[in-house]
Amino acid sequence: MDLKREKEKMLAGELYDSNCNGELIKEIYAAKDKCFEYNNIRPSNIEERKNFMKTILGKTKNNFLIEQPFLCDYGYNIEIGEKFYANHNLVILDANKVEFGDNVFIAPNCGFYTAGHPLDYETRNKGLEYAKPIKVGNNVWIGGNVVVLPGVTIGDNVVIGAGSVVNKDIPSNVVAVGNPCKVIKEI
C-alpha cells in the first residue's frame, strides 16, 4: 500500500485507508502524545501552554487560549486566528483542514469532525473513510456541546446555539440552533 497516496487521498476528501500501518498512524500517535503532554501542563502556566500548543497546531496567531483537555488527530491541519478561545474538552478530528478565523469563541465540550464513514457497511468495514474540511469565519461564538460535521463552512458574525449539530453550511450574520442546526434569525 502506498502510504503517501493514502495521505494525499485523505487531504483530497477521497476514500482512504485509515488503518494503514505507517505514516498516518505514526502521525496520529505523535499528535496524541503531544496532546497528552499539553493536557498535563499546569493550567496556571498559560505562556508554557500557549507555546506548547504552537507545536501541535499547523498555524496560530499570537493571542489565543485553548483550555485543557484538548484532543486532535494530527494537529497540523488546524489553523486558528487571532483572539481564539476554546473552553474545556475541545475535540478536533483533523484528517482534513480545520480553519478558524479571528475572534472565535468556543464553549465547553465541542467537536469539529472532518472524518466521515461510508454508509455502505462493506466499504466501511474495510477501514475506508473520508475527510472533508471545516471552515469557521471571523467573530463566531459556538455554544456548549456543539458538533460540527465534515465539509461545513460557518460564515462570519455567527452564533451557533448550544447543543447544535451543524451538518450544513451556515451563512454569515445569523443565529443558528438545533439538530440539525438551522438559521433562526439574522443579526
N, C-alpha and C. Protein backbone atom coordinates (compact mmCIF):
# COMPACT_ATOMS: atom_id res chain seq x y z
N MET A 1 0.84 -1.18 0.00
CA MET A 1 0.00 0.00 0.00
C MET A 1 0.89 1.25 0.00
N ASP A 2 0.56 2.19 -0.83
CA ASP A 2 1.31 3.44 -0.93
C ASP A 2 0.80 4.40 0.14
N LEU A 3 1.56 4.50 1.25
CA LEU A 3 1.12 5.32 2.37
C LEU A 3 1.02 6.79 2.02
N LYS A 4 1.94 7.27 1.19
CA LYS A 4 1.89 8.66 0.77
C LYS A 4 0.59 8.93 0.02
N ARG A 5 0.21 7.99 -0.82
CA ARG A 5 -1.02 8.15 -1.59
C ARG A 5 -2.25 8.17 -0.67
N GLU A 6 -2.25 7.35 0.40
CA GLU A 6 -3.37 7.35 1.34
C GLU A 6 -3.52 8.73 1.99
N LYS A 7 -2.41 9.35 2.36
CA LYS A 7 -2.47 10.68 2.95
C LYS A 7 -2.97 11.70 1.93
N GLU A 8 -2.52 11.61 0.70
CA GLU A 8 -3.00 12.51 -0.36
C GLU A 8 -4.50 12.37 -0.55
N LYS A 9 -4.99 11.12 -0.56
CA LYS A 9 -6.43 10.89 -0.70
C LYS A 9 -7.19 11.47 0.49
N MET A 10 -6.64 11.32 1.69
CA MET A 10 -7.26 11.86 2.90
C MET A 10 -7.45 13.37 2.77
N LEU A 11 -6.39 14.06 2.38
CA LEU A 11 -6.44 15.52 2.29
C LEU A 11 -7.26 16.00 1.09
N ALA A 12 -7.48 15.12 0.12
CA ALA A 12 -8.30 15.48 -1.05
C ALA A 12 -9.78 15.17 -0.84
N GLY A 13 -10.13 14.60 0.32
CA GLY A 13 -11.52 14.29 0.59
C GLY A 13 -12.00 13.00 -0.04
N GLU A 14 -11.07 12.17 -0.52
CA GLU A 14 -11.41 10.89 -1.15
C GLU A 14 -11.40 9.78 -0.09
N LEU A 15 -11.99 8.64 -0.43
CA LEU A 15 -11.90 7.49 0.47
C LEU A 15 -10.43 7.09 0.61
N TYR A 16 -10.02 6.83 1.84
CA TYR A 16 -8.65 6.39 2.10
C TYR A 16 -8.67 5.35 3.21
N ASP A 17 -7.58 4.61 3.32
CA ASP A 17 -7.47 3.57 4.34
C ASP A 17 -6.92 4.18 5.62
N SER A 18 -7.78 4.35 6.60
CA SER A 18 -7.38 4.98 7.86
C SER A 18 -6.62 4.03 8.78
N ASN A 19 -6.58 2.77 8.42
CA ASN A 19 -5.93 1.77 9.27
C ASN A 19 -4.56 1.32 8.75
N CYS A 20 -4.04 2.02 7.75
CA CYS A 20 -2.74 1.60 7.22
C CYS A 20 -1.68 1.77 8.31
N ASN A 21 -0.84 0.76 8.46
CA ASN A 21 0.20 0.80 9.48
C ASN A 21 1.42 1.52 8.95
N GLY A 22 1.44 2.79 9.11
CA GLY A 22 2.55 3.55 8.58
C GLY A 22 2.46 5.00 8.98
N GLU A 23 2.67 5.84 7.99
CA GLU A 23 2.79 7.28 8.20
C GLU A 23 1.61 7.87 8.97
N LEU A 24 0.40 7.56 8.56
CA LEU A 24 -0.77 8.16 9.21
C LEU A 24 -0.88 7.75 10.67
N ILE A 25 -0.65 6.48 10.96
CA ILE A 25 -0.72 6.00 12.34
C ILE A 25 0.36 6.67 13.19
N LYS A 26 1.57 6.78 12.65
CA LYS A 26 2.66 7.45 13.39
C LYS A 26 2.31 8.90 13.67
N GLU A 27 1.73 9.58 12.67
CA GLU A 27 1.37 10.99 12.85
C GLU A 27 0.25 11.16 13.88
N ILE A 28 -0.72 10.26 13.87
CA ILE A 28 -1.80 10.34 14.85
C ILE A 28 -1.25 10.16 16.26
N TYR A 29 -0.40 9.15 16.46
CA TYR A 29 0.13 8.93 17.80
C TYR A 29 1.08 10.04 18.24
N ALA A 30 1.81 10.62 17.31
CA ALA A 30 2.66 11.76 17.67
C ALA A 30 1.81 12.93 18.16
N ALA A 31 0.69 13.19 17.47
CA ALA A 31 -0.19 14.29 17.89
C ALA A 31 -0.86 13.96 19.23
N LYS A 32 -1.29 12.73 19.40
CA LYS A 32 -1.95 12.35 20.66
C LYS A 32 -0.96 12.41 21.83
N ASP A 33 0.29 12.05 21.59
CA ASP A 33 1.30 12.19 22.64
C ASP A 33 1.49 13.67 23.02
N LYS A 34 1.51 14.54 22.00
CA LYS A 34 1.63 15.97 22.28
C LYS A 34 0.41 16.49 23.03
N CYS A 35 -0.77 16.04 22.66
CA CYS A 35 -1.98 16.45 23.39
C CYS A 35 -1.91 15.99 24.84
N PHE A 36 -1.43 14.79 25.06
CA PHE A 36 -1.26 14.29 26.42
C PHE A 36 -0.33 15.21 27.22
N GLU A 37 0.80 15.57 26.62
CA GLU A 37 1.73 16.48 27.29
C GLU A 37 1.08 17.82 27.57
N TYR A 38 0.40 18.37 26.57
CA TYR A 38 -0.27 19.66 26.74
C TYR A 38 -1.29 19.60 27.89
N ASN A 39 -2.07 18.55 27.91
CA ASN A 39 -3.12 18.44 28.92
C ASN A 39 -2.58 18.24 30.33
N ASN A 40 -1.28 17.96 30.44
CA ASN A 40 -0.67 17.78 31.75
C ASN A 40 0.24 18.93 32.16
N ILE A 41 0.23 20.00 31.40
CA ILE A 41 0.93 21.22 31.83
C ILE A 41 0.04 21.90 32.87
N ARG A 42 0.65 22.40 33.92
CA ARG A 42 -0.12 23.07 34.97
C ARG A 42 -0.98 24.18 34.33
N PRO A 43 -2.29 24.20 34.59
CA PRO A 43 -3.18 25.18 33.96
C PRO A 43 -2.76 26.63 34.14
N SER A 44 -2.14 26.97 35.27
CA SER A 44 -1.72 28.36 35.50
C SER A 44 -0.51 28.76 34.67
N ASN A 45 0.18 27.82 34.04
CA ASN A 45 1.33 28.12 33.18
C ASN A 45 0.83 28.44 31.77
N ILE A 46 0.14 29.55 31.65
CA ILE A 46 -0.53 29.90 30.40
C ILE A 46 0.48 30.10 29.26
N GLU A 47 1.58 30.77 29.52
CA GLU A 47 2.56 31.02 28.46
C GLU A 47 3.19 29.71 27.98
N GLU A 48 3.49 28.81 28.89
CA GLU A 48 4.02 27.49 28.51
C GLU A 48 2.99 26.72 27.69
N ARG A 49 1.73 26.77 28.12
CA ARG A 49 0.67 26.09 27.37
C ARG A 49 0.56 26.66 25.96
N LYS A 50 0.57 27.97 25.86
CA LYS A 50 0.45 28.63 24.56
C LYS A 50 1.61 28.22 23.64
N ASN A 51 2.83 28.27 24.16
CA ASN A 51 4.00 27.90 23.35
C ASN A 51 3.96 26.43 22.95
N PHE A 52 3.51 25.57 23.85
CA PHE A 52 3.43 24.16 23.51
C PHE A 52 2.35 23.91 22.45
N MET A 53 1.22 24.61 22.58
CA MET A 53 0.15 24.44 21.59
C MET A 53 0.64 24.80 20.19
N LYS A 54 1.55 25.73 20.09
CA LYS A 54 2.11 26.11 18.78
C LYS A 54 2.87 24.93 18.15
N THR A 55 3.33 23.98 18.95
CA THR A 55 4.00 22.79 18.39
C THR A 55 3.00 21.75 17.90
N ILE A 56 1.75 21.89 18.32
CA ILE A 56 0.70 20.94 17.90
C ILE A 56 -0.01 21.42 16.65
N LEU A 57 -0.43 22.68 16.65
CA LEU A 57 -1.27 23.21 15.58
C LEU A 57 -0.46 23.62 14.36
N GLY A 58 -1.11 23.58 13.21
CA GLY A 58 -0.46 23.95 11.96
C GLY A 58 -0.16 25.43 11.85
N LYS A 59 -1.08 26.27 12.36
CA LYS A 59 -0.89 27.71 12.25
C LYS A 59 -1.68 28.39 13.36
N THR A 60 -1.02 29.33 14.04
CA THR A 60 -1.68 30.13 15.07
C THR A 60 -1.33 31.59 14.87
N LYS A 61 -2.14 32.44 15.46
CA LYS A 61 -1.78 33.85 15.58
C LYS A 61 -1.19 34.01 16.99
N ASN A 62 -1.06 35.25 17.46
CA ASN A 62 -0.39 35.48 18.74
C ASN A 62 -1.27 35.35 19.96
N ASN A 63 -2.53 35.78 19.86
CA ASN A 63 -3.40 35.87 21.02
C ASN A 63 -4.45 34.76 20.96
N PHE A 64 -4.24 33.70 21.76
CA PHE A 64 -5.19 32.59 21.79
C PHE A 64 -5.04 31.83 23.10
N LEU A 65 -6.07 31.08 23.43
CA LEU A 65 -6.01 30.20 24.59
C LEU A 65 -6.94 29.01 24.35
N ILE A 66 -6.42 27.83 24.54
CA ILE A 66 -7.20 26.60 24.45
C ILE A 66 -7.11 25.91 25.80
N GLU A 67 -8.26 25.81 26.47
CA GLU A 67 -8.29 25.19 27.79
C GLU A 67 -8.07 23.69 27.68
N GLN A 68 -7.61 23.12 28.76
CA GLN A 68 -7.37 21.69 28.81
C GLN A 68 -8.64 20.99 29.29
N PRO A 69 -8.92 19.76 28.93
CA PRO A 69 -8.18 18.99 27.95
C PRO A 69 -8.55 19.35 26.51
N PHE A 70 -7.59 19.09 25.64
CA PHE A 70 -7.74 19.30 24.20
C PHE A 70 -7.27 18.02 23.51
N LEU A 71 -8.01 17.60 22.48
CA LEU A 71 -7.63 16.41 21.72
C LEU A 71 -7.75 16.68 20.22
N CYS A 72 -6.84 16.11 19.45
CA CYS A 72 -6.91 16.19 17.99
C CYS A 72 -6.28 14.95 17.40
N ASP A 73 -6.45 14.77 16.08
CA ASP A 73 -5.86 13.61 15.41
C ASP A 73 -4.46 13.89 14.87
N TYR A 74 -4.28 14.99 14.19
CA TYR A 74 -2.99 15.30 13.56
C TYR A 74 -2.41 16.63 14.05
N GLY A 75 -3.26 17.62 14.24
CA GLY A 75 -2.81 18.92 14.71
C GLY A 75 -2.37 19.84 13.60
N TYR A 76 -1.55 19.35 12.68
CA TYR A 76 -1.00 20.21 11.63
C TYR A 76 -2.06 20.68 10.63
N ASN A 77 -3.24 20.09 10.65
CA ASN A 77 -4.32 20.53 9.77
C ASN A 77 -5.21 21.60 10.40
N ILE A 78 -4.87 22.05 11.60
CA ILE A 78 -5.68 23.02 12.33
C ILE A 78 -5.02 24.39 12.27
N GLU A 79 -5.82 25.41 11.90
CA GLU A 79 -5.35 26.80 11.87
C GLU A 79 -6.32 27.64 12.69
N ILE A 80 -5.77 28.46 13.61
CA ILE A 80 -6.61 29.34 14.41
C ILE A 80 -6.19 30.79 14.21
N GLY A 81 -7.18 31.67 14.29
CA GLY A 81 -6.94 33.09 14.11
C GLY A 81 -6.62 33.81 15.41
N GLU A 82 -6.53 35.12 15.31
CA GLU A 82 -6.25 35.99 16.46
C GLU A 82 -7.46 36.01 17.40
N LYS A 83 -7.18 36.10 18.70
CA LYS A 83 -8.21 36.13 19.74
C LYS A 83 -9.12 34.91 19.67
N PHE A 84 -8.50 33.76 19.53
CA PHE A 84 -9.21 32.47 19.53
C PHE A 84 -9.26 31.96 20.96
N TYR A 85 -10.44 31.54 21.40
CA TYR A 85 -10.59 30.95 22.73
C TYR A 85 -11.45 29.70 22.63
N ALA A 86 -10.97 28.61 23.21
CA ALA A 86 -11.74 27.37 23.29
C ALA A 86 -11.75 26.91 24.74
N ASN A 87 -12.93 26.65 25.25
CA ASN A 87 -13.08 26.18 26.61
C ASN A 87 -12.77 24.68 26.68
N HIS A 88 -12.99 24.07 27.84
CA HIS A 88 -12.60 22.68 28.10
C HIS A 88 -13.22 21.68 27.13
N ASN A 89 -12.48 20.61 26.88
CA ASN A 89 -12.95 19.45 26.12
C ASN A 89 -13.20 19.73 24.65
N LEU A 90 -12.32 20.48 24.02
CA LEU A 90 -12.40 20.67 22.58
C LEU A 90 -11.77 19.45 21.90
N VAL A 91 -12.52 18.87 20.95
CA VAL A 91 -12.03 17.72 20.17
C VAL A 91 -12.09 18.10 18.70
N ILE A 92 -10.95 18.01 18.02
CA ILE A 92 -10.89 18.30 16.58
C ILE A 92 -10.30 17.09 15.88
N LEU A 93 -11.14 16.41 15.09
CA LEU A 93 -10.66 15.29 14.27
C LEU A 93 -10.27 15.88 12.92
N ASP A 94 -9.00 16.18 12.80
CA ASP A 94 -8.49 16.98 11.68
C ASP A 94 -7.79 16.14 10.61
N ALA A 95 -8.48 15.15 10.08
CA ALA A 95 -7.94 14.42 8.95
C ALA A 95 -7.92 15.29 7.70
N ASN A 96 -8.61 16.41 7.74
CA ASN A 96 -8.56 17.43 6.70
C ASN A 96 -8.46 18.78 7.40
N LYS A 97 -8.35 19.84 6.64
CA LYS A 97 -8.16 21.20 7.19
C LYS A 97 -9.33 21.61 8.09
N VAL A 98 -9.01 22.24 9.22
CA VAL A 98 -9.98 22.89 10.08
C VAL A 98 -9.44 24.29 10.32
N GLU A 99 -10.15 25.28 9.79
CA GLU A 99 -9.69 26.68 9.87
C GLU A 99 -10.68 27.51 10.69
N PHE A 100 -10.14 28.26 11.64
CA PHE A 100 -10.92 29.18 12.46
C PHE A 100 -10.42 30.60 12.20
N GLY A 101 -11.34 31.54 12.02
CA GLY A 101 -10.98 32.94 11.81
C GLY A 101 -10.60 33.62 13.11
N ASP A 102 -10.61 34.96 13.07
CA ASP A 102 -10.31 35.78 14.24
C ASP A 102 -11.55 35.92 15.12
N ASN A 103 -11.33 36.11 16.42
CA ASN A 103 -12.41 36.35 17.38
C ASN A 103 -13.43 35.21 17.40
N VAL A 104 -12.91 33.99 17.47
CA VAL A 104 -13.77 32.81 17.58
C VAL A 104 -13.75 32.35 19.04
N PHE A 105 -14.95 32.15 19.59
CA PHE A 105 -15.10 31.69 20.97
C PHE A 105 -15.89 30.39 20.95
N ILE A 106 -15.30 29.36 21.57
CA ILE A 106 -15.90 28.03 21.58
C ILE A 106 -16.15 27.62 23.03
N ALA A 107 -17.40 27.29 23.34
CA ALA A 107 -17.78 26.88 24.69
C ALA A 107 -17.30 25.44 24.95
N PRO A 108 -17.52 24.92 26.17
CA PRO A 108 -17.04 23.58 26.50
C PRO A 108 -17.72 22.48 25.69
N ASN A 109 -16.99 21.37 25.58
CA ASN A 109 -17.50 20.11 25.05
C ASN A 109 -17.92 20.19 23.58
N CYS A 110 -17.13 20.87 22.78
CA CYS A 110 -17.44 20.98 21.35
C CYS A 110 -16.54 20.08 20.53
N GLY A 111 -17.07 19.64 19.38
CA GLY A 111 -16.32 18.77 18.50
C GLY A 111 -16.42 19.23 17.05
N PHE A 112 -15.31 19.17 16.36
CA PHE A 112 -15.22 19.51 14.94
C PHE A 112 -14.65 18.27 14.26
N TYR A 113 -15.48 17.60 13.45
CA TYR A 113 -15.13 16.29 12.92
C TYR A 113 -15.06 16.33 11.41
N THR A 114 -13.85 16.29 10.86
CA THR A 114 -13.71 16.25 9.40
C THR A 114 -13.91 14.84 8.88
N ALA A 115 -13.75 13.83 9.73
CA ALA A 115 -13.81 12.44 9.30
C ALA A 115 -15.25 11.96 9.17
N GLY A 116 -15.48 11.17 8.14
CA GLY A 116 -16.78 10.54 7.93
C GLY A 116 -16.57 9.13 7.41
N HIS A 117 -17.62 8.35 7.47
CA HIS A 117 -17.53 6.96 7.06
C HIS A 117 -18.60 6.64 6.03
N PRO A 118 -18.31 5.75 5.09
CA PRO A 118 -19.29 5.37 4.07
C PRO A 118 -20.55 4.77 4.70
N LEU A 119 -21.68 5.01 4.08
CA LEU A 119 -22.93 4.41 4.55
C LEU A 119 -22.95 2.90 4.28
N ASP A 120 -22.30 2.50 3.20
CA ASP A 120 -22.24 1.08 2.82
C ASP A 120 -21.34 0.35 3.81
N TYR A 121 -21.91 -0.61 4.54
CA TYR A 121 -21.14 -1.28 5.59
C TYR A 121 -19.95 -2.07 5.06
N GLU A 122 -20.04 -2.62 3.86
CA GLU A 122 -18.92 -3.41 3.33
C GLU A 122 -17.70 -2.51 3.10
N THR A 123 -17.93 -1.32 2.55
CA THR A 123 -16.84 -0.36 2.35
C THR A 123 -16.33 0.14 3.70
N ARG A 124 -17.25 0.47 4.58
CA ARG A 124 -16.88 0.97 5.91
C ARG A 124 -16.08 -0.07 6.67
N ASN A 125 -16.47 -1.34 6.58
CA ASN A 125 -15.78 -2.40 7.32
C ASN A 125 -14.37 -2.68 6.79
N LYS A 126 -14.04 -2.18 5.62
CA LYS A 126 -12.68 -2.31 5.08
C LYS A 126 -11.75 -1.27 5.70
N GLY A 127 -12.29 -0.41 6.57
CA GLY A 127 -11.48 0.64 7.19
C GLY A 127 -11.36 1.89 6.35
N LEU A 128 -12.20 2.00 5.32
CA LEU A 128 -12.15 3.19 4.47
C LEU A 128 -12.99 4.30 5.08
N GLU A 129 -12.49 5.51 4.98
CA GLU A 129 -13.21 6.70 5.43
C GLU A 129 -12.83 7.85 4.54
N TYR A 130 -13.46 9.00 4.78
CA TYR A 130 -13.14 10.22 4.03
C TYR A 130 -13.04 11.37 5.03
N ALA A 131 -12.50 12.47 4.58
CA ALA A 131 -12.40 13.66 5.43
C ALA A 131 -12.65 14.89 4.58
N LYS A 132 -13.55 15.75 5.06
CA LYS A 132 -13.89 16.99 4.36
C LYS A 132 -13.53 18.16 5.26
N PRO A 133 -13.01 19.25 4.70
CA PRO A 133 -12.57 20.38 5.52
C PRO A 133 -13.72 21.09 6.22
N ILE A 134 -13.38 21.77 7.31
CA ILE A 134 -14.31 22.60 8.06
C ILE A 134 -13.71 24.00 8.12
N LYS A 135 -14.55 25.01 7.90
CA LYS A 135 -14.08 26.40 7.98
C LYS A 135 -15.06 27.20 8.82
N VAL A 136 -14.50 27.94 9.80
CA VAL A 136 -15.28 28.80 10.67
C VAL A 136 -14.76 30.23 10.46
N GLY A 137 -15.66 31.15 10.18
CA GLY A 137 -15.28 32.53 9.86
C GLY A 137 -14.85 33.34 11.08
N ASN A 138 -14.87 34.65 10.93
CA ASN A 138 -14.50 35.59 11.98
C ASN A 138 -15.70 35.94 12.85
N ASN A 139 -15.43 36.28 14.11
CA ASN A 139 -16.46 36.76 15.03
C ASN A 139 -17.57 35.74 15.24
N VAL A 140 -17.16 34.51 15.53
CA VAL A 140 -18.12 33.41 15.69
C VAL A 140 -18.10 32.94 17.14
N TRP A 141 -19.30 32.75 17.70
CA TRP A 141 -19.46 32.20 19.03
C TRP A 141 -20.19 30.88 18.89
N ILE A 142 -19.57 29.82 19.40
CA ILE A 142 -20.14 28.49 19.32
C ILE A 142 -20.46 28.03 20.74
N GLY A 143 -21.75 27.76 20.99
CA GLY A 143 -22.21 27.36 22.32
C GLY A 143 -21.74 25.97 22.71
N GLY A 144 -21.99 25.63 23.96
CA GLY A 144 -21.55 24.36 24.51
C GLY A 144 -22.18 23.16 23.83
N ASN A 145 -21.42 22.08 23.78
CA ASN A 145 -21.89 20.80 23.25
C ASN A 145 -22.30 20.86 21.79
N VAL A 146 -21.65 21.70 21.01
CA VAL A 146 -21.92 21.78 19.58
C VAL A 146 -21.03 20.79 18.84
N VAL A 147 -21.59 20.16 17.81
CA VAL A 147 -20.84 19.27 16.93
C VAL A 147 -20.91 19.85 15.52
N VAL A 148 -19.74 20.00 14.89
CA VAL A 148 -19.66 20.47 13.51
C VAL A 148 -19.14 19.31 12.67
N LEU A 149 -19.91 18.95 11.64
CA LEU A 149 -19.64 17.76 10.84
C LEU A 149 -18.80 18.06 9.60
N PRO A 150 -18.32 17.01 8.92
CA PRO A 150 -17.41 17.17 7.77
C PRO A 150 -17.99 18.06 6.67
N GLY A 151 -17.11 18.92 6.13
CA GLY A 151 -17.45 19.72 4.96
C GLY A 151 -18.22 20.99 5.25
N VAL A 152 -18.43 21.34 6.51
CA VAL A 152 -19.24 22.51 6.87
C VAL A 152 -18.41 23.79 6.86
N THR A 153 -19.03 24.86 6.36
CA THR A 153 -18.48 26.21 6.47
C THR A 153 -19.46 27.05 7.28
N ILE A 154 -18.93 27.74 8.29
CA ILE A 154 -19.72 28.66 9.10
C ILE A 154 -19.21 30.05 8.76
N GLY A 155 -20.11 30.95 8.36
CA GLY A 155 -19.73 32.29 7.93
C GLY A 155 -19.26 33.19 9.06
N ASP A 156 -19.09 34.47 8.77
CA ASP A 156 -18.66 35.48 9.74
C ASP A 156 -19.84 35.96 10.58
N ASN A 157 -19.54 36.42 11.80
CA ASN A 157 -20.53 37.07 12.67
C ASN A 157 -21.71 36.15 12.96
N VAL A 158 -21.40 34.92 13.38
CA VAL A 158 -22.42 33.89 13.59
C VAL A 158 -22.42 33.46 15.05
N VAL A 159 -23.61 33.14 15.55
CA VAL A 159 -23.77 32.49 16.85
C VAL A 159 -24.43 31.13 16.59
N ILE A 160 -23.77 30.07 17.08
CA ILE A 160 -24.33 28.72 17.00
C ILE A 160 -24.78 28.34 18.40
N GLY A 161 -26.08 28.06 18.57
CA GLY A 161 -26.65 27.76 19.87
C GLY A 161 -26.16 26.45 20.45
N ALA A 162 -26.14 26.39 21.77
CA ALA A 162 -25.69 25.21 22.50
C ALA A 162 -26.45 23.96 22.06
N GLY A 163 -25.74 22.86 21.98
CA GLY A 163 -26.33 21.58 21.65
C GLY A 163 -26.60 21.35 20.18
N SER A 164 -26.21 22.27 19.32
CA SER A 164 -26.50 22.16 17.89
C SER A 164 -25.61 21.11 17.22
N VAL A 165 -26.15 20.51 16.17
CA VAL A 165 -25.39 19.63 15.29
C VAL A 165 -25.39 20.30 13.92
N VAL A 166 -24.22 20.82 13.53
CA VAL A 166 -24.10 21.60 12.30
C VAL A 166 -23.69 20.64 11.18
N ASN A 167 -24.64 20.32 10.32
CA ASN A 167 -24.38 19.38 9.24
C ASN A 167 -24.43 20.03 7.86
N LYS A 168 -24.75 21.33 7.81
CA LYS A 168 -24.79 22.08 6.55
C LYS A 168 -24.19 23.45 6.79
N ASP A 169 -23.76 24.10 5.71
CA ASP A 169 -23.17 25.44 5.81
C ASP A 169 -24.13 26.41 6.48
N ILE A 170 -23.55 27.34 7.25
CA ILE A 170 -24.31 28.40 7.91
C ILE A 170 -23.81 29.73 7.35
N PRO A 171 -24.71 30.58 6.82
CA PRO A 171 -24.28 31.85 6.23
C PRO A 171 -23.83 32.85 7.29
N SER A 172 -23.25 33.94 6.86
CA SER A 172 -22.80 34.99 7.77
C SER A 172 -23.99 35.74 8.38
N ASN A 173 -23.72 36.36 9.54
CA ASN A 173 -24.65 37.29 10.18
C ASN A 173 -25.96 36.66 10.62
N VAL A 174 -25.87 35.48 11.25
CA VAL A 174 -27.08 34.80 11.71
C VAL A 174 -26.87 34.13 13.06
N VAL A 175 -28.00 33.80 13.70
CA VAL A 175 -28.04 32.90 14.84
C VAL A 175 -28.63 31.59 14.32
N ALA A 176 -27.98 30.49 14.61
CA ALA A 176 -28.45 29.18 14.14
C ALA A 176 -28.40 28.20 15.31
N VAL A 177 -29.44 27.36 15.42
CA VAL A 177 -29.52 26.41 16.53
C VAL A 177 -30.20 25.13 16.07
N GLY A 178 -30.04 24.09 16.86
CA GLY A 178 -30.83 22.88 16.68
C GLY A 178 -30.07 21.69 16.13
N ASN A 179 -30.83 20.60 16.03
CA ASN A 179 -30.33 19.36 15.46
C ASN A 179 -31.37 18.83 14.47
N PRO A 180 -31.13 19.06 13.18
CA PRO A 180 -29.96 19.73 12.59
C PRO A 180 -30.02 21.24 12.80
N CYS A 181 -28.85 21.86 12.79
CA CYS A 181 -28.72 23.30 13.03
C CYS A 181 -29.36 24.08 11.89
N LYS A 182 -30.23 25.05 12.24
CA LYS A 182 -30.90 25.88 11.24
C LYS A 182 -30.86 27.33 11.67
N VAL A 183 -30.86 28.22 10.71
CA VAL A 183 -30.88 29.65 10.98
C VAL A 183 -32.22 30.00 11.59
N ILE A 184 -32.18 30.73 12.73
CA ILE A 184 -33.44 31.18 13.34
C ILE A 184 -33.62 32.69 13.25
N LYS A 185 -32.51 33.43 13.06
CA LYS A 185 -32.67 34.87 12.86
C LYS A 185 -31.38 35.48 12.33
N GLU A 186 -31.55 36.61 11.68
CA GLU A 186 -30.39 37.36 11.20
C GLU A 186 -29.92 38.30 12.29
N ILE A 187 -28.62 38.58 12.27
CA ILE A 187 -28.04 39.52 13.24
C ILE A 187 -27.83 40.84 12.53
